[in-house]
Amino acid sequence: MLANAAESLSVNQPNVLELTIQTSNANNRLLICVSDSGAGLSDEAQATLFTEFASTKKKGLGLGLSIAKSLLEDQGGKIWFHGNLHPGAEFRMEIPLTHET
């Protein structure tokens, strides 16, 4: 997630490079927000974000977000695209802090 955000920074405005990570804890769940000041995501890219082998990068394999989603869901968490920020994009992840049985 962080590598994707960092890679997007030079695309949009090279003079405005921001990568922000925010965390909060609510109801024994950790919320992580990762935002960047990059180009944001097109509608086409958003439609296939978590699909295996779908990539917006020239040399991308399209596995990173699908693997992240699987790992988080296996642990009772989730990941989603929160939206474009003009400039940039924001993703959010939620992870349980306690094991639910």
PDB file of N, CA and C in Angstrom:
ATOM      1  N   MET A   1       0.817  -1.177   0.000  1.00  0.00           N
ATOM      2  CA  MET A   1       0.000   0.000   0.000  1.00  0.00           C
ATOM      3  C   MET A   1       0.872   1.256   0.000  1.00  0.00           C
ATOM      4  N   LEU A   2       1.862   1.280   0.869  1.00  0.00           N
ATOM      5  CA  LEU A   2       2.747   2.449   0.937  1.00  0.00           C
ATOM      6  C   LEU A   2       3.582   2.600  -0.326  1.00  0.00           C
ATOM      7  N   ALA A   3       4.044   1.485  -0.876  1.00  0.00           N
ATOM      8  CA  ALA A   3       4.826   1.550  -2.111  1.00  0.00           C
ATOM      9  C   ALA A   3       3.978   2.115  -3.247  1.00  0.00           C
ATOM     10  N   ASN A   4       2.726   1.688  -3.351  1.00  0.00           N
ATOM     11  CA  ASN A   4       1.841   2.224  -4.390  1.00  0.00           C
ATOM     12  C   ASN A   4       1.655   3.722  -4.222  1.00  0.00           C
ATOM     13  N   ALA A   5       1.422   4.158  -2.992  1.00  0.00           N
ATOM     14  CA  ALA A   5       1.225   5.583  -2.737  1.00  0.00           C
ATOM     15  C   ALA A   5       2.487   6.373  -3.087  1.00  0.00           C
ATOM     16  N   ALA A   6       3.636   5.876  -2.683  1.00  0.00           N
ATOM     17  CA  ALA A   6       4.895   6.565  -2.959  1.00  0.00           C
ATOM     18  C   ALA A   6       5.161   6.645  -4.460  1.00  0.00           C
ATOM     19  N   GLU A   7       4.867   5.576  -5.197  1.00  0.00           N
ATOM     20  CA  GLU A   7       5.092   5.576  -6.643  1.00  0.00           C
ATOM     21  C   GLU A   7       4.201   6.577  -7.360  1.00  0.00           C
ATOM     22  N   SER A   8       3.038   6.841  -6.821  1.00  0.00           N
ATOM     23  CA  SER A   8       2.107   7.750  -7.493  1.00  0.00           C
ATOM     24  C   SER A   8       2.479   9.216  -7.304  1.00  0.00           C
ATOM     25  N   LEU A   9       3.362   9.514  -6.369  1.00  0.00           N
ATOM     26  CA  LEU A   9       3.669  10.904  -6.042  1.00  0.00           C
ATOM     27  C   LEU A   9       4.264  11.693  -7.188  1.00  0.00           C
ATOM     28  N   SER A  10       5.175  11.143  -7.930  1.00  0.00           N
ATOM     29  CA  SER A  10       5.846  11.898  -8.987  1.00  0.00           C
ATOM     30  C   SER A  10       4.984  12.072 -10.229  1.00  0.00           C
ATOM     31  N   VAL A  11       3.860  11.408 -10.287  1.00  0.00           N
ATOM     32  CA  VAL A  11       3.025  11.440 -11.486  1.00  0.00           C
ATOM     33  C   VAL A  11       2.299  12.767 -11.653  1.00  0.00           C
ATOM     34  N   ASN A  12       1.732  13.291 -10.595  1.00  0.00           N
ATOM     35  CA  ASN A  12       0.835  14.431 -10.715  1.00  0.00           C
ATOM     36  C   ASN A  12       1.542  15.778 -10.609  1.00  0.00           C
ATOM     37  N   GLN A  13       1.985  16.123  -9.429  1.00  0.00           N
ATOM     38  CA  GLN A  13       2.612  17.413  -9.199  1.00  0.00           C
ATOM     39  C   GLN A  13       3.933  17.202  -8.471  1.00  0.00           C
ATOM     40  N   PRO A  14       5.034  17.240  -9.189  1.00  0.00           N
ATOM     41  CA  PRO A  14       6.319  16.944  -8.555  1.00  0.00           C
ATOM     42  C   PRO A  14       6.683  17.904  -7.427  1.00  0.00           C
ATOM     43  N   ASN A  15       6.059  19.076  -7.366  1.00  0.00           N
ATOM     44  CA  ASN A  15       6.361  20.032  -6.304  1.00  0.00           C
ATOM     45  C   ASN A  15       5.520  19.797  -5.045  1.00  0.00           C
ATOM     46  N   VAL A  16       4.506  18.982  -5.137  1.00  0.00           N
ATOM     47  CA  VAL A  16       3.635  18.712  -3.995  1.00  0.00           C
ATOM     48  C   VAL A  16       3.667  17.210  -3.720  1.00  0.00           C
ATOM     49  N   LEU A  17       4.635  16.783  -2.929  1.00  0.00           N
ATOM     50  CA  LEU A  17       4.792  15.367  -2.635  1.00  0.00           C
ATOM     51  C   LEU A  17       4.369  15.102  -1.190  1.00  0.00           C
ATOM     52  N   GLU A  18       3.209  14.503  -1.021  1.00  0.00           N
ATOM     53  CA  GLU A  18       2.727  14.207   0.314  1.00  0.00           C
ATOM     54  C   GLU A  18       2.244  12.771   0.387  1.00  0.00           C
ATOM     55  N   LEU A  19       2.664  12.112   1.432  1.00  0.00           N
ATOM     56  CA  LEU A  19       2.200  10.765   1.750  1.00  0.00           C
ATOM     57  C   LEU A  19       1.826  10.801   3.220  1.00  0.00           C
ATOM     58  N   THR A  20       0.568  10.560   3.517  1.00  0.00           N
ATOM     59  CA  THR A  20       0.066  10.672   4.880  1.00  0.00           C
ATOM     60  C   THR A  20      -0.462   9.320   5.343  1.00  0.00           C
ATOM     61  N   ILE A  21      -0.082   8.964   6.558  1.00  0.00           N
ATOM     62  CA  ILE A  21      -0.584   7.747   7.197  1.00  0.00           C
ATOM     63  C   ILE A  21      -1.236   8.160   8.509  1.00  0.00           C
ATOM     64  N   GLN A  22      -2.492   7.843   8.659  1.00  0.00           N
ATOM     65  CA  GLN A  22      -3.213   8.144   9.886  1.00  0.00           C
ATOM     66  C   GLN A  22      -3.756   6.848  10.469  1.00  0.00           C
ATOM     67  N   THR A  23      -3.736   6.753  11.779  1.00  0.00           N
ATOM     68  CA  THR A  23      -4.286   5.578  12.438  1.00  0.00           C
ATOM     69  C   THR A  23      -5.239   6.015  13.536  1.00  0.00           C
ATOM     70  N   SER A  24      -6.205   5.162  13.813  1.00  0.00           N
ATOM     71  CA  SER A  24      -7.106   5.369  14.943  1.00  0.00           C
ATOM     72  C   SER A  24      -7.595   4.007  15.412  1.00  0.00           C
ATOM     73  N   ASN A  25      -8.098   3.982  16.635  1.00  0.00           N
ATOM     74  CA  ASN A  25      -8.568   2.744  17.246  1.00  0.00           C
ATOM     75  C   ASN A  25     -10.001   2.977  17.710  1.00  0.00           C
ATOM     76  N   ALA A  26     -10.911   2.151  17.218  1.00  0.00           N
ATOM     77  CA  ALA A  26     -12.306   2.223  17.640  1.00  0.00           C
ATOM     78  C   ALA A  26     -12.866   0.811  17.716  1.00  0.00           C
ATOM     79  N   ASN A  27     -13.488   0.497  18.820  1.00  0.00           N
ATOM     80  CA  ASN A  27     -14.136  -0.811  19.001  1.00  0.00           C
ATOM     81  C   ASN A  27     -13.179  -1.971  18.756  1.00  0.00           C
ATOM     82  N   ASN A  28     -11.956  -1.857  19.272  1.00  0.00           N
ATOM     83  CA  ASN A  28     -10.936  -2.902  19.114  1.00  0.00           C
ATOM     84  C   ASN A  28     -10.594  -3.189  17.663  1.00  0.00           C
ATOM     85  N   ARG A  29     -10.699  -2.169  16.832  1.00  0.00           N
ATOM     86  CA  ARG A  29     -10.308  -2.285  15.427  1.00  0.00           C
ATOM     87  C   ARG A  29      -9.395  -1.117  15.093  1.00  0.00           C
ATOM     88  N   LEU A  30      -8.300  -1.433  14.426  1.00  0.00           N
ATOM     89  CA  LEU A  30      -7.339  -0.425  13.996  1.00  0.00           C
ATOM     90  C   LEU A  30      -7.722   0.047  12.604  1.00  0.00           C
ATOM     91  N   LEU A  31      -7.902   1.345  12.442  1.00  0.00           N
ATOM     92  CA  LEU A  31      -8.188   1.927  11.135  1.00  0.00           C
ATOM     93  C   LEU A  31      -6.921   2.625  10.662  1.00  0.00           C
ATOM     94  N   ILE A  32      -6.474   2.291   9.456  1.00  0.00           N
ATOM     95  CA  ILE A  32      -5.291   2.895   8.853  1.00  0.00           C
ATOM     96  C   ILE A  32      -5.727   3.583   7.564  1.00  0.00           C
ATOM     97  N   CYS A  33      -5.421   4.879   7.463  1.00  0.00           N
ATOM     98  CA  CYS A  33      -5.727   5.652   6.255  1.00  0.00           C
ATOM     99  C   CYS A  33      -4.411   6.031   5.597  1.00  0.00           C
ATOM    100  N   VAL A  34      -4.261   5.689   4.331  1.00  0.00           N
ATOM    101  CA  VAL A  34      -3.067   6.038   3.573  1.00  0.00           C
ATOM    102  C   VAL A  34      -3.510   6.921   2.415  1.00  0.00           C
ATOM    103  N   SER A  35      -2.998   8.159   2.395  1.00  0.00           N
ATOM    104  CA  SER A  35      -3.355   9.079   1.318  1.00  0.00           C
ATOM    105  C   SER A  35      -2.088   9.658   0.700  1.00  0.00           C
ATOM    106  N   ASP A  36      -2.208  10.053  -0.557  1.00  0.00           N
ATOM    107  CA  ASP A  36      -1.071  10.617  -1.270  1.00  0.00           C
ATOM    108  C   ASP A  36      -1.539  11.804  -2.095  1.00  0.00           C
ATOM    109  N   SER A  37      -0.585  12.551  -2.609  1.00  0.00           N
ATOM    110  CA  SER A  37      -0.901  13.706  -3.452  1.00  0.00           C
ATOM    111  C   SER A  37      -0.626  13.406  -4.923  1.00  0.00           C
ATOM    112  N   GLY A  38      -0.754  12.153  -5.292  1.00  0.00           N
ATOM    113  CA  GLY A  38      -0.505  11.735  -6.669  1.00  0.00           C
ATOM    114  C   GLY A  38      -1.656  12.059  -7.604  1.00  0.00           C
ATOM    115  N   ALA A  39      -1.750  11.311  -8.676  1.00  0.00           N
ATOM    116  CA  ALA A  39      -2.716  11.591  -9.739  1.00  0.00           C
ATOM    117  C   ALA A  39      -4.133  11.114  -9.432  1.00  0.00           C
ATOM    118  N   GLY A  40      -4.306  10.300  -8.405  1.00  0.00           N
ATOM    119  CA  GLY A  40      -5.622   9.720  -8.165  1.00  0.00           C
ATOM    120  C   GLY A  40      -5.851   8.539  -9.095  1.00  0.00           C
ATOM    121  N   LEU A  41      -7.050   7.992  -9.061  1.00  0.00           N
ATOM    122  CA  LEU A  41      -7.366   6.807  -9.859  1.00  0.00           C
ATOM    123  C   LEU A  41      -8.519   7.075 -10.809  1.00  0.00           C
ATOM    124  N   SER A  42      -8.354   6.635 -12.036  1.00  0.00           N
ATOM    125  CA  SER A  42      -9.419   6.765 -13.032  1.00  0.00           C
ATOM    126  C   SER A  42     -10.566   5.823 -12.675  1.00  0.00           C
ATOM    127  N   ASP A  43     -11.710   6.051 -13.283  1.00  0.00           N
ATOM    128  CA  ASP A  43     -12.858   5.158 -13.075  1.00  0.00           C
ATOM    129  C   ASP A  43     -12.517   3.731 -13.488  1.00  0.00           C
ATOM    130  N   GLU A  44     -11.757   3.592 -14.577  1.00  0.00           N
ATOM    131  CA  GLU A  44     -11.372   2.264 -15.059  1.00  0.00           C
ATOM    132  C   GLU A  44     -10.479   1.556 -14.046  1.00  0.00           C
ATOM    133  N   ALA A  45      -9.530   2.278 -13.491  1.00  0.00           N
ATOM    134  CA  ALA A  45      -8.634   1.687 -12.486  1.00  0.00           C
ATOM    135  C   ALA A  45      -9.411   1.305 -11.226  1.00  0.00           C
ATOM    136  N   GLN A  46     -10.334   2.144 -10.818  1.00  0.00           N
ATOM    137  CA  GLN A  46     -11.135   1.849  -9.628  1.00  0.00           C
ATOM    138  C   GLN A  46     -11.956   0.577  -9.796  1.00  0.00           C
ATOM    139  N   ALA A  47     -12.437   0.338 -11.003  1.00  0.00           N
ATOM    140  CA  ALA A  47     -13.296  -0.823 -11.256  1.00  0.00           C
ATOM    141  C   ALA A  47     -12.559  -2.150 -11.084  1.00  0.00           C
ATOM    142  N   THR A  48     -11.234  -2.151 -11.224  1.00  0.00           N
ATOM    143  CA  THR A  48     -10.471  -3.402 -11.155  1.00  0.00           C
ATOM    144  C   THR A  48      -9.419  -3.407 -10.049  1.00  0.00           C
ATOM    145  N   LEU A  49      -9.528  -2.487  -9.092  1.00  0.00           N
ATOM    146  CA  LEU A  49      -8.489  -2.307  -8.081  1.00  0.00           C
ATOM    147  C   LEU A  49      -8.019  -3.575  -7.392  1.00  0.00           C
ATOM    148  N   PHE A  50      -8.903  -4.394  -6.927  1.00  0.00           N
ATOM    149  CA  PHE A  50      -8.537  -5.552  -6.122  1.00  0.00           C
ATOM    150  C   PHE A  50      -8.604  -6.857  -6.926  1.00  0.00           C
ATOM    151  N   THR A  51      -8.626  -6.720  -8.251  1.00  0.00           N
ATOM    152  CA  THR A  51      -8.671  -7.869  -9.143  1.00  0.00           C
ATOM    153  C   THR A  51      -7.253  -8.339  -9.448  1.00  0.00           C
ATOM    154  N   GLU A  52      -7.021  -9.646  -9.346  1.00  0.00           N
ATOM    155  CA  GLU A  52      -5.694 -10.185  -9.658  1.00  0.00           C
ATOM    156  C   GLU A  52      -5.304  -9.864 -11.093  1.00  0.00           C
ATOM    157  N   PHE A  53      -4.039  -9.509 -11.271  1.00  0.00           N
ATOM    158  CA  PHE A  53      -3.409  -9.234 -12.559  1.00  0.00           C
ATOM    159  C   PHE A  53      -3.930  -7.972 -13.248  1.00  0.00           C
ATOM    160  N   ALA A  54      -4.668  -7.125 -12.544  1.00  0.00           N
ATOM    161  CA  ALA A  54      -5.071  -5.828 -13.086  1.00  0.00           C
ATOM    162  C   ALA A  54      -4.120  -4.787 -12.520  1.00  0.00           C
ATOM    163  N   SER A  55      -3.426  -4.071 -13.391  1.00  0.00           N
ATOM    164  CA  SER A  55      -2.447  -3.091 -12.940  1.00  0.00           C
ATOM    165  C   SER A  55      -2.509  -1.844 -13.803  1.00  0.00           C
ATOM    166  N   THR A  56      -2.216  -0.699 -13.189  1.00  0.00           N
ATOM    167  CA  THR A  56      -2.110   0.555 -13.928  1.00  0.00           C
ATOM    168  C   THR A  56      -0.655   0.873 -14.236  1.00  0.00           C
ATOM    169  N   LYS A  57       0.253   0.028 -13.774  1.00  0.00           N
ATOM    170  CA  LYS A  57       1.686   0.260 -13.954  1.00  0.00           C
ATOM    171  C   LYS A  57       2.200  -0.486 -15.182  1.00  0.00           C
ATOM    172  N   LYS A  58       3.185   0.097 -15.854  1.00  0.00           N
ATOM    173  CA  LYS A  58       3.753  -0.543 -17.040  1.00  0.00           C
ATOM    174  C   LYS A  58       4.390  -1.883 -16.705  1.00  0.00           C
ATOM    175  N   LYS A  59       5.050  -1.968 -15.555  1.00  0.00           N
ATOM    176  CA  LYS A  59       5.719  -3.210 -15.172  1.00  0.00           C
ATOM    177  C   LYS A  59       5.059  -3.870 -13.966  1.00  0.00           C
ATOM    178  N   GLY A  60       3.827  -3.489 -13.662  1.00  0.00           N
ATOM    179  CA  GLY A  60       3.132  -4.056 -12.511  1.00  0.00           C
ATOM    180  C   GLY A  60       2.556  -5.429 -12.810  1.00  0.00           C
ATOM    181  N   LEU A  61       2.535  -6.275 -11.800  1.00  0.00           N
ATOM    182  CA  LEU A  61       1.938  -7.605 -11.944  1.00  0.00           C
ATOM    183  C   LEU A  61       0.452  -7.609 -11.610  1.00  0.00           C
ATOM    184  N   GLY A  62      -0.004  -6.606 -10.880  1.00  0.00           N
ATOM    185  CA  GLY A  62      -1.409  -6.563 -10.503  1.00  0.00           C
ATOM    186  C   GLY A  62      -1.746  -7.529  -9.384  1.00  0.00           C
ATOM    187  N   LEU A  63      -0.802  -7.805  -8.507  1.00  0.00           N
ATOM    188  CA  LEU A  63      -1.044  -8.739  -7.416  1.00  0.00           C
ATOM    189  C   LEU A  63      -1.068  -8.074  -6.043  1.00  0.00           C
ATOM    190  N   GLY A  64      -0.457  -6.914  -5.904  1.00  0.00           N
ATOM    191  CA  GLY A  64      -0.284  -6.289  -4.598  1.00  0.00           C
ATOM    192  C   GLY A  64      -1.573  -6.062  -3.840  1.00  0.00           C
ATOM    193  N   LEU A  65      -2.532  -5.374  -4.449  1.00  0.00           N
ATOM    194  CA  LEU A  65      -3.776  -5.076  -3.744  1.00  0.00           C
ATOM    195  C   LEU A  65      -4.634  -6.310  -3.530  1.00  0.00           C
ATOM    196  N   SER A  66      -4.616  -7.240  -4.471  1.00  0.00           N
ATOM    197  CA  SER A  66      -5.409  -8.459  -4.277  1.00  0.00           C
ATOM    198  C   SER A  66      -4.829  -9.309  -3.147  1.00  0.00           C
ATOM    199  N   ILE A  67      -3.505  -9.350  -3.028  1.00  0.00           N
ATOM    200  CA  ILE A  67      -2.869 -10.078  -1.927  1.00  0.00           C
ATOM    201  C   ILE A  67      -3.155  -9.372  -0.604  1.00  0.00           C
ATOM    202  N   ALA A  68      -3.025  -8.053  -0.587  1.00  0.00           N
ATOM    203  CA  ALA A  68      -3.317  -7.293   0.635  1.00  0.00           C
ATOM    204  C   ALA A  68      -4.750  -7.537   1.090  1.00  0.00           C
ATOM    205  N   LYS A  69      -5.667  -7.537   0.153  1.00  0.00           N
ATOM    206  CA  LYS A  69      -7.083  -7.772   0.492  1.00  0.00           C
ATOM    207  C   LYS A  69      -7.267  -9.160   1.082  1.00  0.00           C
ATOM    208  N   SER A  70      -6.686 -10.160   0.461  1.00  0.00           N
ATOM    209  CA  SER A  70      -6.807 -11.535   0.961  1.00  0.00           C
ATOM    210  C   SER A  70      -6.225 -11.671   2.366  1.00  0.00           C
ATOM    211  N   LEU A  71      -5.038 -11.095   2.581  1.00  0.00           N
ATOM    212  CA  LEU A  71      -4.401 -11.182   3.895  1.00  0.00           C
ATOM    213  C   LEU A  71      -5.241 -10.500   4.976  1.00  0.00           C
ATOM    214  N   LEU A  72      -5.731  -9.325   4.660  1.00  0.00           N
ATOM    215  CA  LEU A  72      -6.554  -8.614   5.641  1.00  0.00           C
ATOM    216  C   LEU A  72      -7.855  -9.347   5.927  1.00  0.00           C
ATOM    217  N   GLU A  73      -8.510  -9.845   4.892  1.00  0.00           N
ATOM    218  CA  GLU A  73      -9.769 -10.559   5.092  1.00  0.00           C
ATOM    219  C   GLU A  73      -9.558 -11.855   5.860  1.00  0.00           C
ATOM    220  N   ASP A  74      -8.431 -12.526   5.658  1.00  0.00           N
ATOM    221  CA  ASP A  74      -8.118 -13.741   6.414  1.00  0.00           C
ATOM    222  C   ASP A  74      -7.993 -13.461   7.900  1.00  0.00           C
ATOM    223  N   GLN A  75      -7.640 -12.224   8.250  1.00  0.00           N
ATOM    224  CA  GLN A  75      -7.482 -11.835   9.654  1.00  0.00           C
ATOM    225  C   GLN A  75      -8.720 -11.111  10.195  1.00  0.00           C
ATOM    226  N   GLY A  76      -9.799 -11.108   9.424  1.00  0.00           N
ATOM    227  CA  GLY A  76     -11.030 -10.446   9.858  1.00  0.00           C
ATOM    228  C   GLY A  76     -11.069  -8.961   9.558  1.00  0.00           C
ATOM    229  N   GLY A  77     -10.159  -8.494   8.708  1.00  0.00           N
ATOM    230  CA  GLY A  77     -10.099  -7.085   8.361  1.00  0.00           C
ATOM    231  C   GLY A  77     -10.637  -6.810   6.981  1.00  0.00           C
ATOM    232  N   LYS A  78     -10.413  -5.599   6.526  1.00  0.00           N
ATOM    233  CA  LYS A  78     -10.843  -5.229   5.177  1.00  0.00           C
ATOM    234  C   LYS A  78     -10.005  -4.062   4.677  1.00  0.00           C
ATOM    235  N   ILE A  79     -10.037  -3.857   3.383  1.00  0.00           N
ATOM    236  CA  ILE A  79      -9.328  -2.765   2.720  1.00  0.00           C
ATOM    237  C   ILE A  79     -10.249  -2.231   1.635  1.00  0.00           C
ATOM    238  N   TRP A  80     -10.209  -0.908   1.449  1.00  0.00           N
ATOM    239  CA  TRP A  80     -11.032  -0.328   0.407  1.00  0.00           C
ATOM    240  C   TRP A  80     -10.444   0.998  -0.067  1.00  0.00           C
ATOM    241  N   PHE A  81     -10.837   1.359  -1.280  1.00  0.00           N
ATOM    242  CA  PHE A  81     -10.488   2.651  -1.854  1.00  0.00           C
ATOM    243  C   PHE A  81     -11.501   3.650  -1.335  1.00  0.00           C
ATOM    244  N   HIS A  82     -11.031   4.655  -0.609  1.00  0.00           N
ATOM    245  CA  HIS A  82     -11.943   5.625  -0.011  1.00  0.00           C
ATOM    246  C   HIS A  82     -12.322   6.728  -1.000  1.00  0.00           C
ATOM    247  N   GLY A  83     -11.396   7.072  -1.901  1.00  0.00           N
ATOM    248  CA  GLY A  83     -11.740   8.058  -2.920  1.00  0.00           C
ATOM    249  C   GLY A  83     -10.556   8.885  -3.380  1.00  0.00           C
ATOM    250  N   ASN A  84     -10.781   9.635  -4.447  1.00  0.00           N
ATOM    251  CA  ASN A  84      -9.791  10.577  -4.952  1.00  0.00           C
ATOM    252  C   ASN A  84      -9.854  11.855  -4.121  1.00  0.00           C
ATOM    253  N   LEU A  85      -8.693  12.501  -3.954  1.00  0.00           N
ATOM    254  CA  LEU A  85      -8.599  13.667  -3.088  1.00  0.00           C
ATOM    255  C   LEU A  85      -8.354  14.972  -3.823  1.00  0.00           C
ATOM    256  N   HIS A  86      -7.982  14.945  -5.074  1.00  0.00           N
ATOM    257  CA  HIS A  86      -7.759  16.146  -5.903  1.00  0.00           C
ATOM    258  C   HIS A  86      -6.689  17.054  -5.323  1.00  0.00           C
ATOM    259  N   PRO A  87      -5.443  16.818  -5.308  1.00  0.00           N
ATOM    260  CA  PRO A  87      -4.854  15.647  -5.957  1.00  0.00           C
ATOM    261  C   PRO A  87      -4.749  14.476  -4.996  1.00  0.00           C
ATOM    262  N   GLY A  88      -4.564  13.326  -5.563  1.00  0.00           N
ATOM    263  CA  GLY A  88      -4.264  12.143  -4.781  1.00  0.00           C
ATOM    264  C   GLY A  88      -5.411  11.172  -4.625  1.00  0.00           C
ATOM    265  N   ALA A  89      -5.152  10.198  -3.766  1.00  0.00           N
ATOM    266  CA  ALA A  89      -6.116   9.138  -3.502  1.00  0.00           C
ATOM    267  C   ALA A  89      -5.955   8.689  -2.060  1.00  0.00           C
ATOM    268  N   GLU A  90      -6.994   8.054  -1.539  1.00  0.00           N
ATOM    269  CA  GLU A  90      -6.932   7.537  -0.175  1.00  0.00           C
ATOM    270  C   GLU A  90      -7.472   6.116  -0.127  1.00  0.00           C
ATOM    271  N   PHE A  91      -6.702   5.264   0.524  1.00  0.00           N
ATOM    272  CA  PHE A  91      -7.120   3.902   0.812  1.00  0.00           C
ATOM    273  C   PHE A  91      -7.262   3.763   2.316  1.00  0.00           C
ATOM    274  N   ARG A  92      -8.148   2.883   2.731  1.00  0.00           N
ATOM    275  CA  ARG A  92      -8.328   2.619   4.158  1.00  0.00           C
ATOM    276  C   ARG A  92      -8.277   1.120   4.412  1.00  0.00           C
ATOM    277  N   MET A  93      -7.741   0.795   5.574  1.00  0.00           N
ATOM    278  CA  MET A  93      -7.677  -0.596   6.020  1.00  0.00           C
ATOM    279  C   MET A  93      -8.202  -0.654   7.440  1.00  0.00           C
ATOM    280  N   GLU A  94      -8.887  -1.729   7.754  1.00  0.00           N
ATOM    281  CA  GLU A  94      -9.385  -1.943   9.107  1.00  0.00           C
ATOM    282  C   GLU A  94      -8.968  -3.337   9.551  1.00  0.00           C
ATOM    283  N   ILE A  95      -8.369  -3.401  10.731  1.00  0.00           N
ATOM    284  CA  ILE A  95      -7.813  -4.656  11.229  1.00  0.00           C
ATOM    285  C   ILE A  95      -8.287  -4.869  12.660  1.00  0.00           C
ATOM    286  N   PRO A  96      -8.825  -6.048  12.982  1.00  0.00           N
ATOM    287  CA  PRO A  96      -9.216  -6.300  14.373  1.00  0.00           C
ATOM    288  C   PRO A  96      -7.979  -6.391  15.271  1.00  0.00           C
ATOM    289  N   LEU A  97      -8.101  -5.823  16.461  1.00  0.00           N
ATOM    290  CA  LEU A  97      -6.987  -5.858  17.411  1.00  0.00           C
ATOM    291  C   LEU A  97      -7.065  -7.068  18.346  1.00  0.00           C
ATOM    292  N   THR A  98      -8.192  -7.718  18.365  1.00  0.00           N
ATOM    293  CA  THR A  98      -8.345  -8.934  19.168  1.00  0.00           C
ATOM    294  C   THR A  98      -8.832 -10.049  18.267  1.00  0.00           C
ATOM    295  N   HIS A  99      -8.446 -11.259  18.624  1.00  0.00           N
ATOM    296  CA  HIS A  99      -8.865 -12.414  17.835  1.00  0.00           C
ATOM    297  C   HIS A  99     -10.305 -12.772  18.183  1.00  0.00           C
ATOM    298  N   GLU A 100     -11.155 -12.790  17.160  1.00  0.00           N
ATOM    299  CA  GLU A 100     -12.561 -13.132  17.369  1.00  0.00           C
ATOM    300  C   GLU A 100     -12.753 -14.612  17.097  1.00  0.00           C
ATOM    301  N   THR A 101     -13.418 -15.299  17.984  1.00  0.00           N
ATOM    302  CA  THR A 101     -13.648 -16.738  17.802  1.00  0.00           C
ATOM    303  C   THR A 101     -15.093 -17.028  17.539  1.00  0.00           C
TER     304      THR A 101
END
